[in-house]
Amino acid sequence: LSQGQIVFVKKVIDYIVQNGYIENVSELMRPPFDKPQGFIKLFDGSKQKRIVELVNEIKENAVKVVG
């Protein structure tokens, strides 16, 4: 991963640690994830798809544990 991609992934991890999960993957397009570069510009299609899958898996696991 590039430095920008690593920064983005760390933001995602920090957000999940603080909040439990990301409710909707569309949040990846909004603050705090959109600066300094957005999700779409940072990752190619296959990496975007994999990140979305992982974010959704984490949410599903969190909801199962709570529910």
C-alpha atoms as a PDB file:
ATOM      1  CA  LEU A   1       0.000   0.000   0.000  1.00  0.00           C
ATOM      2  CA  SER A   2       1.048   3.580  -0.575  1.00  0.00           C
ATOM      3  CA  GLN A   3       1.481   6.025   2.297  1.00  0.00           C
ATOM      4  CA  GLY A   4      -1.899   7.620   1.512  1.00  0.00           C
ATOM      5  CA  GLN A   5      -3.614   4.234   1.472  1.00  0.00           C
ATOM      6  CA  ILE A   6      -2.049   3.303   4.808  1.00  0.00           C
ATOM      7  CA  VAL A   7      -3.267   6.565   6.357  1.00  0.00           C
ATOM      8  CA  PHE A   8      -6.786   5.836   5.071  1.00  0.00           C
ATOM      9  CA  VAL A   9      -6.792   2.268   6.425  1.00  0.00           C
ATOM     10  CA  LYS A  10      -5.571   3.520   9.823  1.00  0.00           C
ATOM     11  CA  LYS A  11      -8.464   6.017   9.889  1.00  0.00           C
ATOM     12  CA  VAL A  12     -10.890   3.171   9.200  1.00  0.00           C
ATOM     13  CA  ILE A  13      -9.344   1.046  11.965  1.00  0.00           C
ATOM     14  CA  ASP A  14      -9.407   3.931  14.461  1.00  0.00           C
ATOM     15  CA  TYR A  15     -13.047   4.656  13.624  1.00  0.00           C
ATOM     16  CA  ILE A  16     -14.043   1.013  14.112  1.00  0.00           C
ATOM     17  CA  VAL A  17     -12.121   0.778  17.394  1.00  0.00           C
ATOM     18  CA  GLN A  18     -13.973   3.839  18.723  1.00  0.00           C
ATOM     19  CA  ASN A  19     -17.431   3.119  17.285  1.00  0.00           C
ATOM     20  CA  GLY A  20     -17.616  -0.662  16.932  1.00  0.00           C
ATOM     21  CA  TYR A  21     -18.303  -0.680  13.209  1.00  0.00           C
ATOM     22  CA  ILE A  22     -19.118   1.517  10.224  1.00  0.00           C
ATOM     23  CA  GLU A  23     -22.899   1.640   9.760  1.00  0.00           C
ATOM     24  CA  ASN A  24     -22.859   2.208   6.015  1.00  0.00           C
ATOM     25  CA  VAL A  25     -19.940   1.948   3.602  1.00  0.00           C
ATOM     26  CA  SER A  26     -20.986   5.279   2.089  1.00  0.00           C
ATOM     27  CA  GLU A  27     -19.404   6.804   5.215  1.00  0.00           C
ATOM     28  CA  LEU A  28     -16.039   6.011   3.610  1.00  0.00           C
ATOM     29  CA  MET A  29     -16.734   8.896   1.206  1.00  0.00           C
ATOM     30  CA  ARG A  30     -17.329  11.446   4.001  1.00  0.00           C
ATOM     31  CA  PRO A  31     -15.266  12.997   6.807  1.00  0.00           C
ATOM     32  CA  PRO A  32     -13.001  11.932   8.380  1.00  0.00           C
ATOM     33  CA  PHE A  33     -12.169   9.555   5.545  1.00  0.00           C
ATOM     34  CA  ASP A  34     -12.263  12.002   2.628  1.00  0.00           C
ATOM     35  CA  LYS A  35      -9.122  13.961   3.552  1.00  0.00           C
ATOM     36  CA  PRO A  36      -6.435  14.319   2.324  1.00  0.00           C
ATOM     37  CA  GLN A  37      -7.605  11.988  -0.467  1.00  0.00           C
ATOM     38  CA  GLY A  38     -10.859  10.177  -0.976  1.00  0.00           C
ATOM     39  CA  PHE A  39     -11.523   6.457  -1.037  1.00  0.00           C
ATOM     40  CA  ILE A  40     -12.208   6.374  -4.790  1.00  0.00           C
ATOM     41  CA  LYS A  41      -8.960   8.152  -5.704  1.00  0.00           C
ATOM     42  CA  LEU A  42      -6.808   6.112  -3.338  1.00  0.00           C
ATOM     43  CA  PHE A  43      -7.823   2.573  -4.305  1.00  0.00           C
ATOM     44  CA  ASP A  44      -8.479   0.719  -7.528  1.00  0.00           C
ATOM     45  CA  GLY A  45     -11.729  -1.176  -8.011  1.00  0.00           C
ATOM     46  CA  SER A  46     -10.549  -4.504  -6.592  1.00  0.00           C
ATOM     47  CA  LYS A  47      -9.132  -2.908  -3.439  1.00  0.00           C
ATOM     48  CA  GLN A  48     -12.287  -0.815  -2.999  1.00  0.00           C
ATOM     49  CA  LYS A  49     -14.392  -3.947  -3.233  1.00  0.00           C
ATOM     50  CA  ARG A  50     -12.246  -5.784  -0.673  1.00  0.00           C
ATOM     51  CA  ILE A  51     -12.348  -2.882   1.795  1.00  0.00           C
ATOM     52  CA  VAL A  52     -16.134  -2.668   1.465  1.00  0.00           C
ATOM     53  CA  GLU A  53     -16.387  -6.438   2.060  1.00  0.00           C
ATOM     54  CA  LEU A  54     -14.214  -6.200   5.183  1.00  0.00           C
ATOM     55  CA  VAL A  55     -16.149  -3.226   6.569  1.00  0.00           C
ATOM     56  CA  ASN A  56     -19.413  -5.123   6.024  1.00  0.00           C
ATOM     57  CA  GLU A  57     -18.021  -8.302   7.636  1.00  0.00           C
ATOM     58  CA  ILE A  58     -16.940  -6.342  10.709  1.00  0.00           C
ATOM     59  CA  LYS A  59     -20.407  -4.790  10.977  1.00  0.00           C
ATOM     60  CA  GLU A  60     -22.112  -8.187  10.623  1.00  0.00           C
ATOM     61  CA  ASN A  61     -19.898  -9.687  13.323  1.00  0.00           C
ATOM     62  CA  ALA A  62     -20.515  -6.741  15.661  1.00  0.00           C
ATOM     63  CA  VAL A  63     -24.273  -6.910  15.164  1.00  0.00           C
ATOM     64  CA  LYS A  64     -24.277 -10.689  15.807  1.00  0.00           C
ATOM     65  CA  VAL A  65     -22.375 -10.238  19.063  1.00  0.00           C
ATOM     66  CA  VAL A  66     -24.660  -7.459  20.294  1.00  0.00           C
ATOM     67  CA  GLY A  67     -27.899  -8.889  18.929  1.00  0.00           C
END
